[in-house]
Each structure stands twice: as C-alpha cells, then as structure tokens.
C-alpha cells in the first residue's frame, strides 16, 4: 500500500481545486457543481463548502446518480440499488462542473453526461476529479481540474477515504496482493 495523500495534503489539494474553480468561474453566478454518486458527492460537498466560505455565497450543488445510464448496469449478478439524485435547479445554459473522486475508465463520466441532459442543456460541462488514474481510459474524457494524477496498472486500486464516512481523509494506492482492499 502506498500513501498518495495524507489528511494535510488532502486539505491543501481541496483548497487548490477551489481556487482554480474561482479563477475560471468567478462568483459562480452562472455555474453549478454536480457530484456523481456515490463518492463524488463528498468531494462536491467539500468543494462547495470551501467555495461558499471564500465567496460568501451559496453555490448550487446537485447530486447525480448514473446507475441506469451506464453501459454495464445489466452485467451484475446482484440487483442494482441506485443512489439518490438531487438536482433541484435548472442547468439550462449554466456552466456545470461534474465532480467525481476517481477518474479511471471514464465510463462513469460518460454516463454522467447522459444523465445530466435530463436536467437541461448546459452551456459548458467541465470535469473535476480528486484523483486521475491516467493511462486507463476506455472512454476519451480528460479532467479539467485534477487534485492528483497517478499512473496505475490494472492490478492496483486507488482508495479515497473521507472523514464523513471513513473517519479520516486520505488517498492510498493498493495492489491486489495487499490484503487491505
């Protein structure tokens, strides 16, 4: 197991991402964050909190489930239980930042783009990810904002821990031979 970011680096990375968004989106009057379920919502909520504190205003935040938009959702042996979708605003002509914790194959992002269109047609869609697992795309998407980029092989897994669900923030890379998966 290799630590990619401890809680201190994790916090600094979130701050940097928030400031990069402000550089591009100014006061967020025409922009919104959409966190992809299940774990992109934690990143989106954190980024929103940082942005709201800096800009002294509420930032629009939605949470989007992509389960039934995925091209592989019928390939599971167990019944699929979707997460909640909560987008209580129109995205028509807005700049939307899709937010996910780890970008791996790109299939979740492709499904997120399809699901997003049910809420209107944005003027622009950008992608923010905490971890970009490069060299493993099955869909040609690239993030606009990246916390950290790592080169991984198929036998490795990147695990993001959130203090909300796991007790502490951190990012580790685990090999299949490790027993801590």
Protein backbone atom coordinates (compact mmCIF):
# COMPACT_ATOMS: atom_id res chain seq x y z
CA UNK A 1 0.00 0.00 0.00
CA UNK A 2 1.32 3.43 -0.95
CA UNK A 3 0.01 6.65 0.59
CA UNK A 4 -0.72 9.23 -2.10
CA UNK A 5 -2.10 11.95 0.19
CA UNK A 6 -2.41 12.24 3.96
CA UNK A 7 -5.08 14.43 5.56
CA UNK A 8 -2.89 17.56 5.33
CA UNK A 9 -2.10 17.16 1.62
CA UNK A 10 -5.75 16.20 1.08
CA UNK A 11 -6.92 19.52 2.57
CA UNK A 12 -4.38 21.56 0.61
CA UNK A 13 -5.47 19.82 -2.58
CA UNK A 14 -9.14 20.67 -1.98
CA UNK A 15 -8.22 24.32 -1.35
CA UNK A 16 -6.21 24.44 -4.58
CA UNK A 17 -9.07 22.95 -6.59
CA UNK A 18 -11.50 25.51 -5.13
CA UNK A 19 -9.22 28.41 -6.08
CA UNK A 20 -8.80 27.01 -9.59
CA UNK A 21 -12.58 26.95 -9.94
CA UNK A 22 -12.83 30.57 -8.77
CA UNK A 23 -10.24 31.59 -11.37
CA UNK A 24 -12.42 30.07 -14.10
CA UNK A 25 -15.95 30.68 -12.75
CA UNK A 26 -15.53 33.96 -10.85
CA UNK A 27 -18.51 34.33 -8.47
CA UNK A 28 -20.34 31.18 -9.68
CA UNK A 29 -23.42 33.19 -10.72
CA UNK A 30 -23.74 31.07 -13.90
CA UNK A 31 -22.08 27.89 -12.61
CA UNK A 32 -23.07 24.84 -10.59
CA UNK A 33 -21.39 21.77 -9.12
CA UNK A 34 -22.84 18.29 -9.78
CA UNK A 35 -21.39 15.48 -7.68
CA UNK A 36 -21.55 11.99 -9.18
CA UNK A 37 -22.89 9.30 -6.88
CA UNK A 38 -21.78 7.50 -4.90
CA UNK A 39 -18.47 9.06 -3.80
CA UNK A 40 -18.14 12.16 -5.96
CA UNK A 41 -20.77 13.80 -3.78
CA UNK A 42 -18.34 14.01 -0.85
CA UNK A 43 -15.83 15.89 -2.97
CA UNK A 44 -18.55 18.15 -4.41
CA UNK A 45 -19.88 18.97 -0.92
CA UNK A 46 -16.39 19.79 0.36
CA UNK A 47 -15.55 21.96 -2.64
CA UNK A 48 -18.89 23.74 -2.27
CA UNK A 49 -18.15 24.43 1.39
CA UNK A 50 -14.77 25.92 0.57
CA UNK A 51 -16.19 28.00 -2.29
CA UNK A 52 -19.08 29.26 -0.16
CA UNK A 53 -16.69 30.32 2.60
CA UNK A 54 -14.40 32.16 0.18
CA UNK A 55 -17.12 33.76 -1.96
CA UNK A 56 -19.54 34.36 0.95
CA UNK A 57 -22.46 32.95 -1.02
CA UNK A 58 -24.34 29.73 -1.54
CA UNK A 59 -23.12 27.68 -4.51
CA UNK A 60 -25.60 25.49 -6.39
CA UNK A 61 -24.91 21.82 -5.81
CA UNK A 62 -26.59 18.77 -7.27
CA UNK A 63 -26.05 15.05 -6.72
CA UNK A 64 -26.48 12.79 -9.73
CA UNK A 65 -26.86 9.02 -9.91
CA UNK A 66 -25.64 7.45 -13.14
CA UNK A 67 -26.60 3.82 -12.44
CA UNK A 68 -29.11 3.34 -15.24
CA UNK A 69 -27.10 5.40 -17.72
CA UNK A 70 -24.08 3.12 -17.51
CA UNK A 71 -23.44 0.76 -20.41
CA UNK A 72 -22.63 -2.08 -18.00
CA UNK A 73 -25.51 -1.83 -15.49
CA UNK A 74 -27.17 -5.05 -16.72
CA UNK A 75 -23.97 -7.06 -16.25
CA UNK A 76 -24.25 -7.51 -12.48
CA UNK A 77 -25.28 -10.71 -10.75
CA UNK A 78 -26.95 -8.89 -7.85
CA UNK A 79 -29.82 -6.41 -8.21
CA UNK A 80 -28.57 -2.86 -8.57
CA UNK A 81 -29.55 -0.34 -5.92
CA UNK A 82 -29.25 3.19 -7.30
CA UNK A 83 -28.22 6.16 -5.19
CA UNK A 84 -30.34 9.28 -4.87
CA UNK A 85 -30.38 12.03 -7.47
CA UNK A 86 -30.95 15.54 -6.20
CA UNK A 87 -30.70 18.33 -8.74
CA UNK A 88 -33.24 20.93 -7.62
CA UNK A 89 -32.30 23.62 -10.12
CA UNK A 90 -32.23 24.00 -13.89
CA UNK A 91 -28.87 23.60 -15.57
CA UNK A 92 -30.05 25.16 -18.83
CA UNK A 93 -27.29 27.49 -20.12
CA UNK A 94 -25.22 27.07 -16.94
CA UNK A 95 -21.58 26.09 -16.70
CA UNK A 96 -21.66 22.73 -14.96
CA UNK A 97 -18.71 21.16 -13.18
CA UNK A 98 -19.14 17.38 -12.89
CA UNK A 99 -17.31 16.19 -9.78
CA UNK A 100 -16.04 12.67 -9.05
CA UNK A 101 -13.47 11.29 -6.66
CA UNK A 102 -11.51 8.99 -9.00
CA UNK A 103 -11.36 9.04 -12.80
CA UNK A 104 -10.43 5.59 -14.05
CA UNK A 105 -12.01 4.28 -17.27
CA UNK A 106 -14.24 7.30 -17.94
CA UNK A 107 -17.41 5.22 -18.11
CA UNK A 108 -19.00 6.90 -15.08
CA UNK A 109 -18.31 10.31 -16.61
CA UNK A 110 -19.88 9.26 -19.92
CA UNK A 111 -22.94 8.05 -18.01
CA UNK A 112 -22.96 11.30 -16.02
CA UNK A 113 -23.07 13.34 -19.21
CA UNK A 114 -26.06 11.32 -20.42
CA UNK A 115 -27.86 11.65 -17.07
CA UNK A 116 -27.12 15.37 -16.90
CA UNK A 117 -29.14 16.08 -20.04
CA UNK A 118 -32.34 15.10 -18.20
CA UNK A 119 -31.98 18.40 -16.32
CA UNK A 120 -31.41 20.70 -19.29
CA UNK A 121 -28.65 21.61 -21.68
CA UNK A 122 -25.70 23.34 -20.03
CA UNK A 123 -23.63 25.91 -21.90
CA UNK A 124 -20.45 24.12 -20.83
CA UNK A 125 -19.51 20.98 -18.91
CA UNK A 126 -16.19 20.59 -17.12
CA UNK A 127 -14.81 17.72 -15.07
CA UNK A 128 -13.16 17.97 -11.66
CA UNK A 129 -11.62 14.86 -10.10
CA UNK A 130 -9.63 14.34 -6.94
CA UNK A 131 -7.57 11.51 -8.48
CA UNK A 132 -6.86 10.97 -12.17
CA UNK A 133 -5.76 7.40 -12.87
CA UNK A 134 -4.06 8.09 -16.16
CA UNK A 135 -3.48 5.55 -18.94
CA UNK A 136 -6.60 3.51 -18.23
CA UNK A 137 -9.36 5.19 -20.24
CA UNK A 138 -11.99 3.24 -22.10
CA UNK A 139 -13.82 6.48 -22.96
CA UNK A 140 -11.93 9.53 -24.30
CA UNK A 141 -12.51 12.02 -21.47
CA UNK A 142 -9.99 14.15 -19.64
CA UNK A 143 -10.48 16.21 -16.48
CA UNK A 144 -10.27 19.99 -16.47
CA UNK A 145 -9.29 20.10 -12.77
CA UNK A 146 -7.16 17.40 -11.12
CA UNK A 147 -6.21 17.01 -7.47
CA UNK A 148 -3.50 14.42 -8.09
CA UNK A 149 -2.60 12.30 -11.12
CA UNK A 150 -1.24 8.80 -10.69
CA UNK A 151 -0.04 6.16 -13.08
CA UNK A 152 -1.56 2.80 -12.18
CA UNK A 153 -1.84 -0.65 -13.62
CA UNK A 154 -4.94 -2.83 -13.69
CA UNK A 155 -3.95 -4.74 -10.55
CA UNK A 156 -3.85 -1.53 -8.48
CA UNK A 157 -6.75 0.28 -6.87
CA UNK A 158 -6.95 3.86 -5.65
CA UNK A 159 -8.96 4.33 -2.46
CA UNK A 160 -10.11 7.74 -1.30
CA UNK A 161 -11.09 7.92 2.36
CA UNK A 162 -13.44 10.65 3.56
CA UNK A 163 -13.72 11.74 7.17
CA UNK A 164 -17.52 11.76 6.74
CA UNK A 165 -17.66 8.03 6.00
CA UNK A 166 -14.24 6.59 6.83
CA UNK A 167 -13.16 8.67 9.82
CA UNK A 168 -10.22 10.40 8.16
CA UNK A 169 -9.28 11.97 4.83
CA UNK A 170 -6.61 10.28 2.73
CA UNK A 171 -5.74 8.63 -0.55
CA UNK A 172 -3.88 5.34 -0.92
CA UNK A 173 -2.95 3.07 -3.81
CA UNK A 174 -3.42 -0.61 -3.10
CA UNK A 175 -2.08 -3.57 -5.07
CA UNK A 176 -4.21 -6.70 -5.40
CA UNK A 177 -1.59 -8.58 -3.40
CA UNK A 178 -2.32 -6.29 -0.41
CA UNK A 179 -4.98 -7.69 1.91
CA UNK A 180 -6.42 -4.27 2.88
CA UNK A 181 -8.70 -3.83 -0.14
